[in-house]
Amino acid sequence: ANADRLLGLGYDDRVRERYIREQQINFAVVHWTKDSDAAYGRIAIFPTLFLIDGQGIVVRHWAGFVDPEELRRAVLEALASSQAARPAGR
């Protein structure tokens, strides 16, 4: 909801979807709810970024803007960890 106000978006999903299309956002964008607050803690800083692995586990999170190189390294580390954790032959 805070991001909606900051970006001047309404709470209508159609408005969000149009913004995502127009801005060519190519990563998952979620609508933060009270259930999200309960699961992940209250988010008060925009942007907040979660790096979630293939099992749905939050590997890392950042509050505020993230240096692209730091994000790239974190993604590569998460991918390497998930590859190492796979049983042989998978």
Foldseek 3Di string as FASTA:
>chain_A
DVVCVVVVHDPDVVRVVVVCVVVVPDDDDDDDDVVNCVVPNDQDAPPKDFDADPVRHGPDIDGDDDDPVVVVVSVVVRVVVVVVPDDPPD
